[in-house]
Amino acid sequence: MLKDVNLIMNKSGKKVSAKLLNISESSNSSKSGVLYDVKLDLEKRNEMRSHRLVFDLTDGEKTVKNCKIFNIDDKYMKFISH
């Protein structure tokens, strides 16, 4: 099930809407997940990954802090938080 979320860029405070496809939690308290249909062009998404830009992910109720993109595949972006 897709869930509407916002990425909030830590440096600029800019909000970007996306769909959260899934999220999982590992034993070392990090979380990883997959975002879909992120409302940024491919160049901006690649910039987020290559510059390791940090963002918070929120659905309005819960927030996952200090996320970074580690893979981009077409409309999907994989992220991890620590």
C-alpha atoms as a PDB file:
ATOM      1  CA  MET A   1       0.000   0.000   0.000  1.00  0.00           C
ATOM      2  CA  LEU A   2       1.359   3.414  -0.959  1.00  0.00           C
ATOM      3  CA  LYS A   3       1.323   6.120   1.690  1.00  0.00           C
ATOM      4  CA  ASP A   4       1.568   9.872   1.003  1.00  0.00           C
ATOM      5  CA  VAL A   5       4.667  11.365   2.645  1.00  0.00           C
ATOM      6  CA  ASN A   6       6.806  14.494   2.503  1.00  0.00           C
ATOM      7  CA  LEU A   7      10.560  14.713   2.327  1.00  0.00           C
ATOM      8  CA  ILE A   8      11.778  17.764   4.230  1.00  0.00           C
ATOM      9  CA  MET A   9      15.264  18.780   3.149  1.00  0.00           C
ATOM     10  CA  ASN A  10      17.426  19.531   6.198  1.00  0.00           C
ATOM     11  CA  LYS A  11      19.416  22.432   4.722  1.00  0.00           C
ATOM     12  CA  SER A  12      16.694  24.262   2.806  1.00  0.00           C
ATOM     13  CA  GLY A  13      13.516  23.159   4.598  1.00  0.00           C
ATOM     14  CA  LYS A  14      11.968  22.484   1.180  1.00  0.00           C
ATOM     15  CA  LYS A  15       9.113  19.940   1.161  1.00  0.00           C
ATOM     16  CA  VAL A  16       8.867  17.353  -1.596  1.00  0.00           C
ATOM     17  CA  SER A  17       5.902  15.001  -1.878  1.00  0.00           C
ATOM     18  CA  ALA A  18       6.278  11.287  -2.586  1.00  0.00           C
ATOM     19  CA  LYS A  19       4.685   7.909  -1.979  1.00  0.00           C
ATOM     20  CA  LEU A  20       6.163   5.527   0.590  1.00  0.00           C
ATOM     21  CA  LEU A  21       6.129   1.991  -0.782  1.00  0.00           C
ATOM     22  CA  ASN A  22       7.653   0.255   2.237  1.00  0.00           C
ATOM     23  CA  ILE A  23       9.866   0.782   5.257  1.00  0.00           C
ATOM     24  CA  SER A  24      11.742  -1.705   7.419  1.00  0.00           C
ATOM     25  CA  GLU A  25      13.664  -1.470  10.653  1.00  0.00           C
ATOM     26  CA  SER A  26      16.913  -3.329  11.312  1.00  0.00           C
ATOM     27  CA  SER A  27      18.374  -4.495  14.596  1.00  0.00           C
ATOM     28  CA  ASN A  28      20.782  -1.535  14.822  1.00  0.00           C
ATOM     29  CA  SER A  29      17.927   1.028  14.887  1.00  0.00           C
ATOM     30  CA  SER A  30      18.434   2.151  11.293  1.00  0.00           C
ATOM     31  CA  LYS A  31      15.490   2.137   8.905  1.00  0.00           C
ATOM     32  CA  SER A  32      15.409   1.655   5.162  1.00  0.00           C
ATOM     33  CA  GLY A  33      12.647   1.954   2.638  1.00  0.00           C
ATOM     34  CA  VAL A  34      11.512   2.662  -0.876  1.00  0.00           C
ATOM     35  CA  LEU A  35       9.936   5.872  -2.117  1.00  0.00           C
ATOM     36  CA  TYR A  36       7.901   6.055  -5.317  1.00  0.00           C
ATOM     37  CA  ASP A  37       6.798   8.943  -7.511  1.00  0.00           C
ATOM     38  CA  VAL A  38       9.044  11.517  -5.824  1.00  0.00           C
ATOM     39  CA  LYS A  39       8.058  14.934  -7.173  1.00  0.00           C
ATOM     40  CA  LEU A  40      11.563  15.871  -8.342  1.00  0.00           C
ATOM     41  CA  ASP A  41      13.121  15.573 -11.765  1.00  0.00           C
ATOM     42  CA  LEU A  42      15.807  12.933 -12.317  1.00  0.00           C
ATOM     43  CA  GLU A  43      18.627  15.491 -12.131  1.00  0.00           C
ATOM     44  CA  LYS A  44      17.537  16.650  -8.646  1.00  0.00           C
ATOM     45  CA  ARG A  45      17.096  13.049  -7.446  1.00  0.00           C
ATOM     46  CA  ASN A  46      20.599  12.192  -8.658  1.00  0.00           C
ATOM     47  CA  GLU A  47      21.935  15.296  -6.900  1.00  0.00           C
ATOM     48  CA  MET A  48      20.355  14.120  -3.634  1.00  0.00           C
ATOM     49  CA  ARG A  49      22.119  10.775  -3.983  1.00  0.00           C
ATOM     50  CA  SER A  50      25.521  11.979  -5.185  1.00  0.00           C
ATOM     51  CA  HIS A  51      25.787  14.773  -2.593  1.00  0.00           C
ATOM     52  CA  ARG A  52      24.321  12.564   0.166  1.00  0.00           C
ATOM     53  CA  LEU A  53      21.756  15.253   1.019  1.00  0.00           C
ATOM     54  CA  VAL A  54      19.954  14.569   4.301  1.00  0.00           C
ATOM     55  CA  PHE A  55      16.190  14.810   4.690  1.00  0.00           C
ATOM     56  CA  ASP A  56      13.460  13.914   7.161  1.00  0.00           C
ATOM     57  CA  LEU A  57      10.522  11.803   6.018  1.00  0.00           C
ATOM     58  CA  THR A  58       7.082  12.464   7.502  1.00  0.00           C
ATOM     59  CA  ASP A  59       3.500  11.394   6.980  1.00  0.00           C
ATOM     60  CA  GLY A  60       2.200  14.103   9.321  1.00  0.00           C
ATOM     61  CA  GLU A  61       2.096  11.769  12.327  1.00  0.00           C
ATOM     62  CA  LYS A  62       5.460   9.996  12.367  1.00  0.00           C
ATOM     63  CA  THR A  63       8.860  11.274  11.268  1.00  0.00           C
ATOM     64  CA  VAL A  64      11.965   9.354  10.223  1.00  0.00           C
ATOM     65  CA  LYS A  65      15.011  11.591  10.702  1.00  0.00           C
ATOM     66  CA  ASN A  66      18.355  11.822   8.887  1.00  0.00           C
ATOM     67  CA  CYS A  67      17.510   9.889   5.728  1.00  0.00           C
ATOM     68  CA  LYS A  68      19.846   9.574   2.743  1.00  0.00           C
ATOM     69  CA  ILE A  69      19.252   8.168  -0.731  1.00  0.00           C
ATOM     70  CA  PHE A  70      21.472   5.234  -1.643  1.00  0.00           C
ATOM     71  CA  ASN A  71      19.897   4.017  -4.892  1.00  0.00           C
ATOM     72  CA  ILE A  72      17.698   5.389  -7.662  1.00  0.00           C
ATOM     73  CA  ASP A  73      15.868   3.133 -10.100  1.00  0.00           C
ATOM     74  CA  ASP A  74      13.563   4.937 -12.525  1.00  0.00           C
ATOM     75  CA  LYS A  75      10.721   6.273 -10.313  1.00  0.00           C
ATOM     76  CA  TYR A  76      11.914   4.443  -7.188  1.00  0.00           C
ATOM     77  CA  MET A  77      14.361   5.809  -4.614  1.00  0.00           C
ATOM     78  CA  LYS A  78      15.805   3.668  -1.827  1.00  0.00           C
ATOM     79  CA  PHE A  79      16.750   5.413   1.406  1.00  0.00           C
ATOM     80  CA  ILE A  80      18.325   4.632   4.758  1.00  0.00           C
ATOM     81  CA  SER A  81      18.243   6.509   8.063  1.00  0.00           C
ATOM     82  CA  HIS A  82      20.538   6.216  11.073  1.00  0.00           C
END
